[in-house]
């Protein structure tokens, strides 16, 4: 499994490098409108290779997707955590009842033990 993961990461890395080499033409990126950029004191136009714009945009999109998905699933994780606490509590209660009634005559405890 470790080698498979390494192989997949290597293939993805090679594809990204090939994509960067084949898309290295320079493009102009306008950060701000022309008259507003001079007012703020920033250069409004930057000339960068295409992949330099594309890769950070992809990474930002992935990070935003993970961030929103994390908070969307939060309610399910909270419910699961509470259910696990309830299960542990009920298991401890079962052990307490078994220790109190050690003669084994309780029908309810025998039914619980079957599960």
PDB file of N, CA and C in Angstrom:
ATOM      1  N   UNK A   1       0.818  -1.188   0.000  1.00  0.00           N
ATOM      2  CA  UNK A   1       0.000   0.000   0.000  1.00  0.00           C
ATOM      3  C   UNK A   1       0.868   1.261   0.000  1.00  0.00           C
ATOM      4  N   UNK A   2       1.977   1.174   0.719  1.00  0.00           N
ATOM      5  CA  UNK A   2       2.894   2.305   0.789  1.00  0.00           C
ATOM      6  C   UNK A   2       3.491   2.595  -0.593  1.00  0.00           C
ATOM      7  N   UNK A   3       3.827   1.544  -1.308  1.00  0.00           N
ATOM      8  CA  UNK A   3       4.414   1.713  -2.634  1.00  0.00           C
ATOM      9  C   UNK A   3       3.394   2.218  -3.646  1.00  0.00           C
ATOM     10  N   UNK A   4       2.153   1.793  -3.495  1.00  0.00           N
ATOM     11  CA  UNK A   4       1.088   2.257  -4.382  1.00  0.00           C
ATOM     12  C   UNK A   4       0.855   3.757  -4.195  1.00  0.00           C
ATOM     13  N   UNK A   5       0.855   4.195  -2.956  1.00  0.00           N
ATOM     14  CA  UNK A   5       0.687   5.626  -2.668  1.00  0.00           C
ATOM     15  C   UNK A   5       1.848   6.423  -3.259  1.00  0.00           C
ATOM     16  N   UNK A   6       3.054   5.918  -3.090  1.00  0.00           N
ATOM     17  CA  UNK A   6       4.227   6.582  -3.652  1.00  0.00           C
ATOM     18  C   UNK A   6       4.164   6.624  -5.173  1.00  0.00           C
ATOM     19  N   UNK A   7       3.707   5.548  -5.786  1.00  0.00           N
ATOM     20  CA  UNK A   7       3.581   5.495  -7.243  1.00  0.00           C
ATOM     21  C   UNK A   7       2.558   6.516  -7.740  1.00  0.00           C
ATOM     22  N   UNK A   8       1.413   6.596  -7.074  1.00  0.00           N
ATOM     23  CA  UNK A   8       0.380   7.555  -7.482  1.00  0.00           C
ATOM     24  C   UNK A   8       0.871   8.991  -7.311  1.00  0.00           C
ATOM     25  N   UNK A   9       1.527   9.285  -6.196  1.00  0.00           N
ATOM     26  CA  UNK A   9       2.064  10.638  -5.988  1.00  0.00           C
ATOM     27  C   UNK A   9       3.125  10.981  -7.034  1.00  0.00           C
ATOM     28  N   UNK A  10       3.935  10.018  -7.409  1.00  0.00           N
ATOM     29  CA  UNK A  10       4.952  10.246  -8.433  1.00  0.00           C
ATOM     30  C   UNK A  10       4.307  10.535  -9.781  1.00  0.00           C
ATOM     31  N   UNK A  11       3.288   9.771 -10.133  1.00  0.00           N
ATOM     32  CA  UNK A  11       2.607   9.994 -11.413  1.00  0.00           C
ATOM     33  C   UNK A  11       1.941  11.365 -11.435  1.00  0.00           C
ATOM     34  N   UNK A  12       1.269  11.738 -10.339  1.00  0.00           N
ATOM     35  CA  UNK A  12       0.626  13.057 -10.272  1.00  0.00           C
ATOM     36  C   UNK A  12       1.677  14.159 -10.359  1.00  0.00           C
ATOM     37  N   UNK A  13       2.812  13.981  -9.688  1.00  0.00           N
ATOM     38  CA  UNK A  13       3.890  14.968  -9.751  1.00  0.00           C
ATOM     39  C   UNK A  13       4.441  15.127 -11.154  1.00  0.00           C
ATOM     40  N   UNK A  14       4.637  14.021 -11.843  1.00  0.00           N
ATOM     41  CA  UNK A  14       5.138  14.073 -13.224  1.00  0.00           C
ATOM     42  C   UNK A  14       4.136  14.779 -14.129  1.00  0.00           C
ATOM     43  N   UNK A  15       2.842  14.480 -13.948  1.00  0.00           N
ATOM     44  CA  UNK A  15       1.812  15.148 -14.756  1.00  0.00           C
ATOM     45  C   UNK A  15       1.810  16.652 -14.497  1.00  0.00           C
ATOM     46  N   UNK A  16       1.936  17.058 -13.235  1.00  0.00           N
ATOM     47  CA  UNK A  16       1.970  18.491 -12.913  1.00  0.00           C
ATOM     48  C   UNK A  16       3.199  19.179 -13.507  1.00  0.00           C
ATOM     49  N   UNK A  17       4.331  18.501 -13.483  1.00  0.00           N
ATOM     50  CA  UNK A  17       5.547  19.080 -14.059  1.00  0.00           C
ATOM     51  C   UNK A  17       5.415  19.206 -15.577  1.00  0.00           C
ATOM     52  N   UNK A  18       4.895  18.172 -16.222  1.00  0.00           N
ATOM     53  CA  UNK A  18       4.696  18.231 -17.679  1.00  0.00           C
ATOM     54  C   UNK A  18       3.722  19.346 -18.034  1.00  0.00           C
ATOM     55  N   UNK A  19       2.647  19.488 -17.249  1.00  0.00           N
ATOM     56  CA  UNK A  19       1.681  20.560 -17.497  1.00  0.00           C
ATOM     57  C   UNK A  19       2.336  21.934 -17.340  1.00  0.00           C
ATOM     58  N   UNK A  20       3.183  22.081 -16.326  1.00  0.00           N
ATOM     59  CA  UNK A  20       3.858  23.363 -16.110  1.00  0.00           C
ATOM     60  C   UNK A  20       4.816  23.678 -17.250  1.00  0.00           C
ATOM     61  N   UNK A  21       5.531  22.680 -17.733  1.00  0.00           N
ATOM     62  CA  UNK A  21       6.473  22.908 -18.831  1.00  0.00           C
ATOM     63  C   UNK A  21       5.728  23.265 -20.107  1.00  0.00           C
ATOM     64  N   UNK A  22       4.600  22.628 -20.361  1.00  0.00           N
ATOM     65  CA  UNK A  22       3.879  22.887 -21.602  1.00  0.00           C
ATOM     66  C   UNK A  22       3.024  24.152 -21.549  1.00  0.00           C
ATOM     67  N   UNK A  23       2.789  24.714 -20.374  1.00  0.00           N
ATOM     68  CA  UNK A  23       1.986  25.936 -20.240  1.00  0.00           C
ATOM     69  C   UNK A  23       2.784  27.037 -19.558  1.00  0.00           C
ATOM     70  N   UNK A  24       3.950  27.318 -20.070  1.00  0.00           N
ATOM     71  CA  UNK A  24       4.781  28.345 -19.455  1.00  0.00           C
ATOM     72  C   UNK A  24       4.718  29.683 -20.183  1.00  0.00           C
ATOM     73  N   UNK A  25       3.721  29.865 -21.066  1.00  0.00           N
ATOM     74  CA  UNK A  25       3.597  31.158 -21.749  1.00  0.00           C
ATOM     75  C   UNK A  25       3.212  32.235 -20.721  1.00  0.00           C
ATOM     76  N   UNK A  26       3.686  33.423 -20.984  1.00  0.00           N
ATOM     77  CA  UNK A  26       3.466  34.538 -20.075  1.00  0.00           C
ATOM     78  C   UNK A  26       2.083  35.137 -20.339  1.00  0.00           C
ATOM     79  N   UNK A  27       1.349  35.351 -19.258  1.00  0.00           N
ATOM     80  CA  UNK A  27       0.052  36.024 -19.359  1.00  0.00           C
ATOM     81  C   UNK A  27       0.064  37.234 -18.437  1.00  0.00           C
ATOM     82  N   UNK A  28      -0.764  38.205 -18.766  1.00  0.00           N
ATOM     83  CA  UNK A  28      -0.882  39.390 -17.923  1.00  0.00           C
ATOM     84  C   UNK A  28      -2.072  39.223 -16.998  1.00  0.00           C
ATOM     85  N   UNK A  29      -1.833  39.474 -15.741  1.00  0.00           N
ATOM     86  CA  UNK A  29      -2.881  39.367 -14.736  1.00  0.00           C
ATOM     87  C   UNK A  29      -3.128  40.756 -14.164  1.00  0.00           C
ATOM     88  N   UNK A  30      -4.375  41.197 -14.256  1.00  0.00           N
ATOM     89  CA  UNK A  30      -4.756  42.491 -13.692  1.00  0.00           C
ATOM     90  C   UNK A  30      -5.336  42.264 -12.302  1.00  0.00           C
ATOM     91  N   UNK A  31      -4.655  42.773 -11.311  1.00  0.00           N
ATOM     92  CA  UNK A  31      -5.104  42.642  -9.935  1.00  0.00           C
ATOM     93  C   UNK A  31      -6.171  43.699  -9.623  1.00  0.00           C
ATOM     94  N   UNK A  32      -5.922  44.911 -10.074  1.00  0.00           N
ATOM     95  CA  UNK A  32      -6.820  46.039  -9.831  1.00  0.00           C
ATOM     96  C   UNK A  32      -7.082  46.774 -11.141  1.00  0.00           C
ATOM     97  N   UNK A  33      -8.173  47.522 -11.198  1.00  0.00           N
ATOM     98  CA  UNK A  33      -8.359  48.378 -12.382  1.00  0.00           C
ATOM     99  C   UNK A  33      -7.205  49.378 -12.510  1.00  0.00           C
ATOM    100  N   UNK A  34      -6.946  49.843 -13.728  1.00  0.00           N
ATOM    101  CA  UNK A  34      -5.781  50.691 -13.987  1.00  0.00           C
ATOM    102  C   UNK A  34      -5.753  51.948 -13.113  1.00  0.00           C
ATOM    103  N   UNK A  35      -6.840  52.685 -13.057  1.00  0.00           N
ATOM    104  CA  UNK A  35      -6.814  53.941 -12.295  1.00  0.00           C
ATOM    105  C   UNK A  35      -6.830  53.699 -10.784  1.00  0.00           C
ATOM    106  N   UNK A  36      -7.395  52.600 -10.321  1.00  0.00           N
ATOM    107  CA  UNK A  36      -7.427  52.324  -8.892  1.00  0.00           C
ATOM    108  C   UNK A  36      -6.062  51.840  -8.394  1.00  0.00           C
ATOM    109  N   UNK A  37      -5.337  51.091  -9.217  1.00  0.00           N
ATOM    110  CA  UNK A  37      -4.029  50.592  -8.826  1.00  0.00           C
ATOM    111  C   UNK A  37      -3.032  51.700  -8.574  1.00  0.00           C
ATOM    112  N   UNK A  38      -3.068  52.754  -9.389  1.00  0.00           N
ATOM    113  CA  UNK A  38      -2.169  53.887  -9.167  1.00  0.00           C
ATOM    114  C   UNK A  38      -2.503  54.640  -7.897  1.00  0.00           C
ATOM    115  N   UNK A  39      -3.763  54.686  -7.555  1.00  0.00           N
ATOM    116  CA  UNK A  39      -4.205  55.381  -6.348  1.00  0.00           C
ATOM    117  C   UNK A  39      -3.721  54.664  -5.088  1.00  0.00           C
ATOM    118  N   UNK A  40      -3.774  53.331  -5.098  1.00  0.00           N
ATOM    119  CA  UNK A  40      -3.365  52.548  -3.935  1.00  0.00           C
ATOM    120  C   UNK A  40      -1.848  52.447  -3.855  1.00  0.00           C
ATOM    121  N   UNK A  41      -1.180  52.556  -4.966  1.00  0.00           N
ATOM    122  CA  UNK A  41       0.279  52.455  -4.979  1.00  0.00           C
ATOM    123  C   UNK A  41       0.770  51.071  -5.359  1.00  0.00           C
ATOM    124  N   UNK A  42      -0.101  50.235  -5.862  1.00  0.00           N
ATOM    125  CA  UNK A  42       0.285  48.899  -6.301  1.00  0.00           C
ATOM    126  C   UNK A  42       0.367  48.860  -7.812  1.00  0.00           C
ATOM    127  N   UNK A  43       1.174  47.979  -8.303  1.00  0.00           N
ATOM    128  CA  UNK A  43       1.271  47.764  -9.740  1.00  0.00           C
ATOM    129  C   UNK A  43       0.030  46.988 -10.177  1.00  0.00           C
ATOM    130  N   UNK A  44      -0.775  47.504 -11.100  1.00  0.00           N
ATOM    131  CA  UNK A  44      -2.039  46.845 -11.431  1.00  0.00           C
ATOM    132  C   UNK A  44      -1.897  45.632 -12.350  1.00  0.00           C
ATOM    133  N   UNK A  45      -0.787  45.505 -13.081  1.00  0.00           N
ATOM    134  CA  UNK A  45      -0.621  44.413 -14.037  1.00  0.00           C
ATOM    135  C   UNK A  45       0.654  43.634 -13.698  1.00  0.00           C
ATOM    136  N   UNK A  46       0.521  42.316 -13.623  1.00  0.00           N
ATOM    137  CA  UNK A  46       1.662  41.440 -13.394  1.00  0.00           C
ATOM    138  C   UNK A  46       1.755  40.458 -14.557  1.00  0.00           C
ATOM    139  N   UNK A  47       2.966  40.205 -15.015  1.00  0.00           N
ATOM    140  CA  UNK A  47       3.202  39.220 -16.079  1.00  0.00           C
ATOM    141  C   UNK A  47       3.795  37.973 -15.451  1.00  0.00           C
ATOM    142  N   UNK A  48       3.044  36.870 -15.526  1.00  0.00           N
ATOM    143  CA  UNK A  48       3.456  35.616 -14.898  1.00  0.00           C
ATOM    144  C   UNK A  48       3.186  34.452 -15.845  1.00  0.00           C
ATOM    145  N   UNK A  49       3.930  33.358 -15.680  1.00  0.00           N
ATOM    146  CA  UNK A  49       3.595  32.157 -16.451  1.00  0.00           C
ATOM    147  C   UNK A  49       2.217  31.627 -16.034  1.00  0.00           C
ATOM    148  N   UNK A  50       1.545  30.983 -16.957  1.00  0.00           N
ATOM    149  CA  UNK A  50       0.178  30.509 -16.726  1.00  0.00           C
ATOM    150  C   UNK A  50       0.084  29.546 -15.543  1.00  0.00           C
ATOM    151  N   UNK A  51       1.032  28.604 -15.429  1.00  0.00           N
ATOM    152  CA  UNK A  51       0.949  27.616 -14.368  1.00  0.00           C
ATOM    153  C   UNK A  51       1.153  28.228 -12.987  1.00  0.00           C
ATOM    154  N   UNK A  52       1.849  29.365 -12.924  1.00  0.00           N
ATOM    155  CA  UNK A  52       2.049  30.040 -11.632  1.00  0.00           C
ATOM    156  C   UNK A  52       0.723  30.609 -11.126  1.00  0.00           C
ATOM    157  N   UNK A  53      -0.157  30.945 -12.007  1.00  0.00           N
ATOM    158  CA  UNK A  53      -1.489  31.405 -11.627  1.00  0.00           C
ATOM    159  C   UNK A  53      -2.404  30.211 -11.339  1.00  0.00           C
ATOM    160  N   UNK A  54      -2.299  29.175 -12.159  1.00  0.00           N
ATOM    161  CA  UNK A  54      -3.218  28.048 -12.058  1.00  0.00           C
ATOM    162  C   UNK A  54      -2.997  27.211 -10.800  1.00  0.00           C
ATOM    163  N   UNK A  55      -1.768  26.864 -10.473  1.00  0.00           N
ATOM    164  CA  UNK A  55      -1.510  25.974  -9.340  1.00  0.00           C
ATOM    165  C   UNK A  55      -1.950  26.568  -8.004  1.00  0.00           C
ATOM    166  N   UNK A  56      -1.603  27.816  -7.675  1.00  0.00           N
ATOM    167  CA  UNK A  56      -2.113  28.365  -6.404  1.00  0.00           C
ATOM    168  C   UNK A  56      -3.636  28.467  -6.368  1.00  0.00           C
ATOM    169  N   UNK A  57      -4.241  28.719  -7.528  1.00  0.00           N
ATOM    170  CA  UNK A  57      -5.704  28.772  -7.576  1.00  0.00           C
ATOM    171  C   UNK A  57      -6.303  27.405  -7.273  1.00  0.00           C
ATOM    172  N   UNK A  58      -5.717  26.350  -7.819  1.00  0.00           N
ATOM    173  CA  UNK A  58      -6.182  24.996  -7.517  1.00  0.00           C
ATOM    174  C   UNK A  58      -6.006  24.649  -6.047  1.00  0.00           C
ATOM    175  N   UNK A  59      -4.864  25.005  -5.486  1.00  0.00           N
ATOM    176  CA  UNK A  59      -4.604  24.730  -4.070  1.00  0.00           C
ATOM    177  C   UNK A  59      -5.588  25.499  -3.186  1.00  0.00           C
ATOM    178  N   UNK A  60      -5.845  26.759  -3.515  1.00  0.00           N
ATOM    179  CA  UNK A  60      -6.807  27.552  -2.756  1.00  0.00           C
ATOM    180  C   UNK A  60      -8.204  26.933  -2.831  1.00  0.00           C
ATOM    181  N   UNK A  61      -8.597  26.482  -4.004  1.00  0.00           N
ATOM    182  CA  UNK A  61      -9.892  25.832  -4.156  1.00  0.00           C
ATOM    183  C   UNK A  61      -9.996  24.557  -3.331  1.00  0.00           C
ATOM    184  N   UNK A  62      -8.938  23.753  -3.326  1.00  0.00           N
ATOM    185  CA  UNK A  62      -8.935  22.535  -2.517  1.00  0.00           C
ATOM    186  C   UNK A  62      -9.035  22.854  -1.031  1.00  0.00           C
ATOM    187  N   UNK A  63      -8.260  23.844  -0.582  1.00  0.00           N
ATOM    188  CA  UNK A  63      -8.293  24.214   0.836  1.00  0.00           C
ATOM    189  C   UNK A  63      -9.664  24.734   1.249  1.00  0.00           C
ATOM    190  N   UNK A  64     -10.271  25.564   0.407  1.00  0.00           N
ATOM    191  CA  UNK A  64     -11.620  26.056   0.720  1.00  0.00           C
ATOM    192  C   UNK A  64     -12.629  24.911   0.743  1.00  0.00           C
ATOM    193  N   UNK A  65     -12.496  23.978  -0.183  1.00  0.00           N
ATOM    194  CA  UNK A  65     -13.383  22.825  -0.199  1.00  0.00           C
ATOM    195  C   UNK A  65     -13.249  21.982   1.055  1.00  0.00           C
ATOM    196  N   UNK A  66     -12.007  21.712   1.493  1.00  0.00           N
ATOM    197  CA  UNK A  66     -11.790  20.950   2.722  1.00  0.00           C
ATOM    198  C   UNK A  66     -12.346  21.702   3.930  1.00  0.00           C
ATOM    199  N   UNK A  67     -12.139  23.007   3.961  1.00  0.00           N
ATOM    200  CA  UNK A  67     -12.601  23.838   5.074  1.00  0.00           C
ATOM    201  C   UNK A  67     -14.124  23.777   5.201  1.00  0.00           C
ATOM    202  N   UNK A  68     -14.832  24.005   4.104  1.00  0.00           N
ATOM    203  CA  UNK A  68     -16.285  23.999   4.158  1.00  0.00           C
ATOM    204  C   UNK A  68     -16.833  22.596   4.413  1.00  0.00           C
ATOM    205  N   UNK A  69     -16.194  21.581   3.882  1.00  0.00           N
ATOM    206  CA  UNK A  69     -16.634  20.208   4.114  1.00  0.00           C
ATOM    207  C   UNK A  69     -16.435  19.816   5.583  1.00  0.00           C
ATOM    208  N   UNK A  70     -15.348  20.281   6.185  1.00  0.00           N
ATOM    209  CA  UNK A  70     -15.087  20.009   7.596  1.00  0.00           C
ATOM    210  C   UNK A  70     -16.219  20.553   8.462  1.00  0.00           C
ATOM    211  N   UNK A  71     -16.627  21.789   8.200  1.00  0.00           N
ATOM    212  CA  UNK A  71     -17.693  22.375   9.003  1.00  0.00           C
ATOM    213  C   UNK A  71     -19.067  21.815   8.648  1.00  0.00           C
ATOM    214  N   UNK A  72     -19.260  21.353   7.436  1.00  0.00           N
ATOM    215  CA  UNK A  72     -20.526  20.749   7.066  1.00  0.00           C
ATOM    216  C   UNK A  72     -20.717  19.421   7.796  1.00  0.00           C
ATOM    217  N   UNK A  73     -19.649  18.669   7.972  1.00  0.00           N
ATOM    218  CA  UNK A  73     -19.731  17.371   8.622  1.00  0.00           C
ATOM    219  C   UNK A  73     -19.586  17.444  10.136  1.00  0.00           C
ATOM    220  N   UNK A  74     -19.396  18.625  10.673  1.00  0.00           N
ATOM    221  CA  UNK A  74     -19.172  18.780  12.110  1.00  0.00           C
ATOM    222  C   UNK A  74     -20.321  18.218  12.930  1.00  0.00           C
ATOM    223  N   UNK A  75     -21.566  18.470  12.520  1.00  0.00           N
ATOM    224  CA  UNK A  75     -22.714  17.998  13.294  1.00  0.00           C
ATOM    225  C   UNK A  75     -22.746  16.474  13.372  1.00  0.00           C
ATOM    226  N   UNK A  76     -22.295  15.796  12.323  1.00  0.00           N
ATOM    227  CA  UNK A  76     -22.254  14.338  12.347  1.00  0.00           C
ATOM    228  C   UNK A  76     -21.170  13.822  13.288  1.00  0.00           C
ATOM    229  N   UNK A  77     -20.035  14.509  13.310  1.00  0.00           N
ATOM    230  CA  UNK A  77     -18.970  14.100  14.227  1.00  0.00           C
ATOM    231  C   UNK A  77     -19.386  14.302  15.676  1.00  0.00           C
ATOM    232  N   UNK A  78     -20.118  15.392  15.968  1.00  0.00           N
ATOM    233  CA  UNK A  78     -20.589  15.645  17.327  1.00  0.00           C
ATOM    234  C   UNK A  78     -21.575  14.561  17.747  1.00  0.00           C
ATOM    235  N   UNK A  79     -22.504  14.192  16.853  1.00  0.00           N
ATOM    236  CA  UNK A  79     -23.468  13.127  17.170  1.00  0.00           C
ATOM    237  C   UNK A  79     -22.767  11.794  17.392  1.00  0.00           C
ATOM    238  N   UNK A  80     -21.760  11.499  16.575  1.00  0.00           N
ATOM    239  CA  UNK A  80     -21.017  10.250  16.726  1.00  0.00           C
ATOM    240  C   UNK A  80     -20.261  10.217  18.050  1.00  0.00           C
ATOM    241  N   UNK A  81     -19.675  11.326  18.419  1.00  0.00           N
ATOM    242  CA  UNK A  81     -18.950  11.406  19.685  1.00  0.00           C
ATOM    243  C   UNK A  81     -19.901  11.179  20.858  1.00  0.00           C
ATOM    244  N   UNK A  82     -21.080  11.782  20.808  1.00  0.00           N
ATOM    245  CA  UNK A  82     -22.073  11.598  21.865  1.00  0.00           C
ATOM    246  C   UNK A  82     -22.557  10.154  21.910  1.00  0.00           C
ATOM    247  N   UNK A  83     -22.772   9.542  20.755  1.00  0.00           N
ATOM    248  CA  UNK A  83     -23.205   8.141  20.722  1.00  0.00           C
ATOM    249  C   UNK A  83     -22.135   7.231  21.311  1.00  0.00           C
ATOM    250  N   UNK A  84     -20.873   7.503  21.037  1.00  0.00           N
ATOM    251  CA  UNK A  84     -19.789   6.704  21.615  1.00  0.00           C
ATOM    252  C   UNK A  84     -19.733   6.857  23.127  1.00  0.00           C
ATOM    253  N   UNK A  85     -19.964   8.071  23.623  1.00  0.00           N
ATOM    254  CA  UNK A  85     -20.011   8.281  25.071  1.00  0.00           C
ATOM    255  C   UNK A  85     -21.157   7.496  25.688  1.00  0.00           C
ATOM    256  N   UNK A  86     -22.318   7.517  25.025  1.00  0.00           N
ATOM    257  CA  UNK A  86     -23.475   6.771  25.530  1.00  0.00           C
ATOM    258  C   UNK A  86     -23.196   5.277  25.555  1.00  0.00           C
ATOM    259  N   UNK A  87     -22.541   4.759  24.516  1.00  0.00           N
ATOM    260  CA  UNK A  87     -22.217   3.335  24.459  1.00  0.00           C
ATOM    261  C   UNK A  87     -21.281   2.961  25.598  1.00  0.00           C
ATOM    262  N   UNK A  88     -20.260   3.770  25.831  1.00  0.00           N
ATOM    263  CA  UNK A  88     -19.326   3.477  26.929  1.00  0.00           C
ATOM    264  C   UNK A  88     -20.025   3.525  28.277  1.00  0.00           C
ATOM    265  N   UNK A  89     -20.926   4.499  28.445  1.00  0.00           N
ATOM    266  CA  UNK A  89     -21.666   4.601  29.701  1.00  0.00           C
ATOM    267  C   UNK A  89     -22.543   3.372  29.909  1.00  0.00           C
ATOM    268  N   UNK A  90     -23.245   2.955  28.862  1.00  0.00           N
ATOM    269  CA  UNK A  90     -24.121   1.791  28.988  1.00  0.00           C
ATOM    270  C   UNK A  90     -23.325   0.509  29.234  1.00  0.00           C
ATOM    271  N   UNK A  91     -22.153   0.392  28.634  1.00  0.00           N
ATOM    272  CA  UNK A  91     -21.318  -0.783  28.879  1.00  0.00           C
ATOM    273  C   UNK A  91     -20.832  -0.815  30.328  1.00  0.00           C
ATOM    274  N   UNK A  92     -20.486   0.348  30.857  1.00  0.00           N
ATOM    275  CA  UNK A  92     -20.058   0.383  32.261  1.00  0.00           C
ATOM    276  C   UNK A  92     -21.227   0.067  33.194  1.00  0.00           C
ATOM    277  N   UNK A  93     -22.414   0.544  32.866  1.00  0.00           N
ATOM    278  CA  UNK A  93     -23.597   0.225  33.671  1.00  0.00           C
ATOM    279  C   UNK A  93     -23.891  -1.274  33.630  1.00  0.00           C
ATOM    280  N   UNK A  94     -23.716  -1.886  32.484  1.00  0.00           N
ATOM    281  CA  UNK A  94     -23.932  -3.323  32.335  1.00  0.00           C
ATOM    282  C   UNK A  94     -22.965  -4.106  33.221  1.00  0.00           C
ATOM    283  N   UNK A  95     -21.707  -3.669  33.249  1.00  0.00           N
ATOM    284  CA  UNK A  95     -20.721  -4.345  34.099  1.00  0.00           C
ATOM    285  C   UNK A  95     -21.062  -4.186  35.575  1.00  0.00           C
ATOM    286  N   UNK A  96     -21.550  -3.001  35.939  1.00  0.00           N
ATOM    287  CA  UNK A  96     -21.942  -2.783  37.337  1.00  0.00           C
ATOM    288  C   UNK A  96     -23.099  -3.695  37.727  1.00  0.00           C
ATOM    289  N   UNK A  97     -24.084  -3.808  36.849  1.00  0.00           N
ATOM    290  CA  UNK A  97     -25.227  -4.673  37.136  1.00  0.00           C
ATOM    291  C   UNK A  97     -24.816  -6.137  37.219  1.00  0.00           C
ATOM    292  N   UNK A  98     -23.881  -6.537  36.376  1.00  0.00           N
ATOM    293  CA  UNK A  98     -23.402  -7.920  36.425  1.00  0.00           C
ATOM    294  C   UNK A  98     -22.676  -8.194  37.733  1.00  0.00           C
ATOM    295  N   UNK A  99     -21.892  -7.225  38.194  1.00  0.00           N
ATOM    296  CA  UNK A  99     -21.150  -7.439  39.434  1.00  0.00           C
ATOM    297  C   UNK A  99     -22.085  -7.475  40.638  1.00  0.00           C
ATOM    298  N   UNK A 100     -23.178  -6.736  40.614  1.00  0.00           N
ATOM    299  CA  UNK A 100     -24.157  -6.763  41.702  1.00  0.00           C
ATOM    300  C   UNK A 100     -24.928  -8.082  41.723  1.00  0.00           C
ATOM    301  N   UNK A 101     -25.282  -8.540  40.556  1.00  0.00           N
ATOM    302  CA  UNK A 101     -26.071  -9.758  40.444  1.00  0.00           C
ATOM    303  C   UNK A 101     -25.172 -10.871  39.905  1.00  0.00           C
ATOM    304  N   UNK A 102     -24.265 -11.321  40.722  1.00  0.00           N
ATOM    305  CA  UNK A 102     -23.263 -12.285  40.264  1.00  0.00           C
ATOM    306  C   UNK A 102     -23.780 -13.719  40.224  1.00  0.00           C
ATOM    307  N   UNK A 103     -24.989 -13.975  40.731  1.00  0.00           N
ATOM    308  CA  UNK A 103     -25.480 -15.352  40.715  1.00  0.00           C
ATOM    309  C   UNK A 103     -25.985 -15.783  39.344  1.00  0.00           C
ATOM    310  N   UNK A 104     -26.200 -14.847  38.370  1.00  0.00           N
ATOM    311  CA  UNK A 104     -26.560 -15.196  37.007  1.00  0.00           C
ATOM    312  C   UNK A 104     -28.021 -15.511  36.804  1.00  0.00           C
ATOM    313  N   UNK A 105     -28.879 -15.149  37.735  1.00  0.00           N
ATOM    314  CA  UNK A 105     -30.302 -15.458  37.615  1.00  0.00           C
ATOM    315  C   UNK A 105     -31.107 -14.382  36.894  1.00  0.00           C
ATOM    316  N   UNK A 106     -30.511 -13.282  36.545  1.00  0.00           N
ATOM    317  CA  UNK A 106     -31.254 -12.193  35.921  1.00  0.00           C
ATOM    318  C   UNK A 106     -31.500 -12.502  34.439  1.00  0.00           C
ATOM    319  N   UNK A 107     -32.760 -12.560  34.064  1.00  0.00           N
ATOM    320  CA  UNK A 107     -33.105 -12.858  32.673  1.00  0.00           C
ATOM    321  C   UNK A 107     -32.729 -11.714  31.736  1.00  0.00           C
ATOM    322  N   UNK A 108     -32.886 -10.503  32.206  1.00  0.00           N
ATOM    323  CA  UNK A 108     -32.584  -9.335  31.361  1.00  0.00           C
ATOM    324  C   UNK A 108     -31.099  -9.280  31.048  1.00  0.00           C
ATOM    325  N   UNK A 109     -30.251  -9.505  32.058  1.00  0.00           N
ATOM    326  CA  UNK A 109     -28.810  -9.483  31.802  1.00  0.00           C
ATOM    327  C   UNK A 109     -28.399 -10.628  30.876  1.00  0.00           C
ATOM    328  N   UNK A 110     -29.063 -11.757  30.989  1.00  0.00           N
ATOM    329  CA  UNK A 110     -28.757 -12.864  30.080  1.00  0.00           C
ATOM    330  C   UNK A 110     -29.140 -12.523  28.636  1.00  0.00           C
ATOM    331  N   UNK A 111     -30.254 -11.803  28.462  1.00  0.00           N
ATOM    332  CA  UNK A 111     -30.646 -11.373  27.131  1.00  0.00           C
ATOM    333  C   UNK A 111     -29.663 -10.359  26.557  1.00  0.00           C
ATOM    334  N   UNK A 112     -29.175  -9.460  27.402  1.00  0.00           N
ATOM    335  CA  UNK A 112     -28.201  -8.456  26.943  1.00  0.00           C
ATOM    336  C   UNK A 112     -26.902  -9.149  26.535  1.00  0.00           C
ATOM    337  N   UNK A 113     -26.492 -10.168  27.246  1.00  0.00           N
ATOM    338  CA  UNK A 113     -25.242 -10.865  26.937  1.00  0.00           C
ATOM    339  C   UNK A 113     -25.302 -11.612  25.611  1.00  0.00           C
ATOM    340  N   UNK A 114     -26.487 -11.961  25.163  1.00  0.00           N
ATOM    341  CA  UNK A 114     -26.608 -12.654  23.882  1.00  0.00           C
ATOM    342  C   UNK A 114     -26.209 -11.772  22.719  1.00  0.00           C
ATOM    343  N   UNK A 115     -26.383 -10.450  22.823  1.00  0.00           N
ATOM    344  CA  UNK A 115     -26.053  -9.526  21.744  1.00  0.00           C
ATOM    345  C   UNK A 115     -24.614  -9.319  21.718  1.00  0.00           C
TER     346      UNK A 115
END
